[in-house]
Amino acid sequence: MSTLQVPTNTEFLFEPLLTSREAAPFLRVHYKTLEAMARAGAIPAMKRGKSWVFRLSRLSEWIDRELEREAGSRRAS
């Protein structure tokens, strides 16, 4: 029977969650703009209590999708 080995370095287990103030500079928007986008469901976010939290990897994926969508709409024009 094999045993499950759990990494001792928890840094690799979970990606840290960023507050809107921490995440906004990555998108070059004001944190209030980012919160409004989250409320509208326009950007990947989670509500924790009264605060919005974000994963940088999900924001990066969202940017990639938006860039592809915009490039596709420019080609169709």
Protein backbone atom coordinates (compact mmCIF):
# COMPACT_ATOMS: atom_id res chain seq x y z
CA MET A 1 0.00 0.00 0.00
CA SER A 2 1.43 3.38 -0.98
CA THR A 3 1.12 6.40 1.24
CA LEU A 4 0.22 9.87 0.10
CA GLN A 5 3.14 12.25 0.34
CA VAL A 6 2.22 15.85 1.02
CA PRO A 7 4.78 18.50 0.13
CA THR A 8 6.16 20.20 3.22
CA ASN A 9 6.48 23.54 1.45
CA THR A 10 2.95 24.97 1.45
CA GLU A 11 3.98 27.73 -0.96
CA PHE A 12 3.29 25.31 -3.82
CA LEU A 13 -0.06 24.06 -2.52
CA PHE A 14 -2.12 27.22 -2.86
CA GLU A 15 -1.81 30.29 -4.99
CA PRO A 16 -2.25 33.34 -2.79
CA LEU A 17 -5.39 35.39 -3.12
CA LEU A 18 -4.91 39.07 -3.90
CA THR A 19 -7.08 41.91 -2.66
CA SER A 20 -8.46 44.37 -5.18
CA ARG A 21 -5.76 46.85 -4.16
CA GLU A 22 -3.06 44.23 -4.79
CA ALA A 23 -4.52 42.96 -8.08
CA ALA A 24 -5.43 46.31 -9.69
CA PRO A 25 -1.86 47.35 -10.60
CA PHE A 26 -1.43 44.17 -12.66
CA LEU A 27 -4.33 45.28 -14.85
CA ARG A 28 -3.38 48.96 -14.64
CA VAL A 29 -6.80 49.96 -13.35
CA HIS A 30 -7.95 51.60 -10.14
CA TYR A 31 -8.97 49.13 -7.47
CA LYS A 32 -12.53 50.53 -7.46
CA THR A 33 -12.75 49.85 -11.21
CA LEU A 34 -11.60 46.28 -10.59
CA GLU A 35 -14.24 45.84 -7.88
CA ALA A 36 -16.92 47.16 -10.23
CA MET A 37 -15.79 44.68 -12.90
CA ALA A 38 -15.98 41.88 -10.32
CA ARG A 39 -19.49 42.93 -9.22
CA ALA A 40 -20.60 42.89 -12.86
CA GLY A 41 -19.15 39.41 -13.35
CA ALA A 42 -16.84 40.71 -16.06
CA ILE A 43 -13.66 39.40 -14.45
CA PRO A 44 -12.84 36.25 -12.44
CA ALA A 45 -13.15 37.05 -8.74
CA MET A 46 -14.51 35.71 -5.49
CA LYS A 47 -16.30 37.59 -2.74
CA ARG A 48 -14.94 36.90 0.74
CA GLY A 49 -16.99 38.74 3.31
CA LYS A 50 -17.09 42.35 2.17
CA SER A 51 -13.92 42.06 0.07
CA TRP A 52 -13.18 40.85 -3.43
CA VAL A 53 -10.21 38.53 -3.93
CA PHE A 54 -8.42 37.52 -7.10
CA ARG A 55 -5.92 34.94 -8.31
CA LEU A 56 -3.21 36.35 -10.51
CA SER A 57 -3.23 33.24 -12.71
CA ARG A 58 -6.98 33.63 -13.38
CA LEU A 59 -6.52 37.31 -14.21
CA SER A 60 -3.73 36.40 -16.62
CA GLU A 61 -5.97 33.80 -18.31
CA TRP A 62 -8.75 36.39 -18.54
CA ILE A 63 -6.40 38.87 -20.22
CA ASP A 64 -5.32 36.22 -22.74
CA ARG A 65 -8.97 35.43 -23.59
CA GLU A 66 -9.83 39.11 -23.95
CA LEU A 67 -6.85 39.69 -26.25
CA GLU A 68 -7.83 36.71 -28.42
CA ARG A 69 -11.44 37.90 -28.56
CA GLU A 70 -10.39 41.41 -29.58
CA ALA A 71 -7.97 40.09 -32.20
CA GLY A 72 -10.74 37.88 -33.63
CA SER A 73 -13.18 40.76 -33.84
CA ARG A 74 -10.60 42.93 -35.60
CA ARG A 75 -9.98 40.19 -38.18
CA ALA A 76 -13.72 39.82 -38.79
CA SER A 77 -14.07 43.55 -39.49
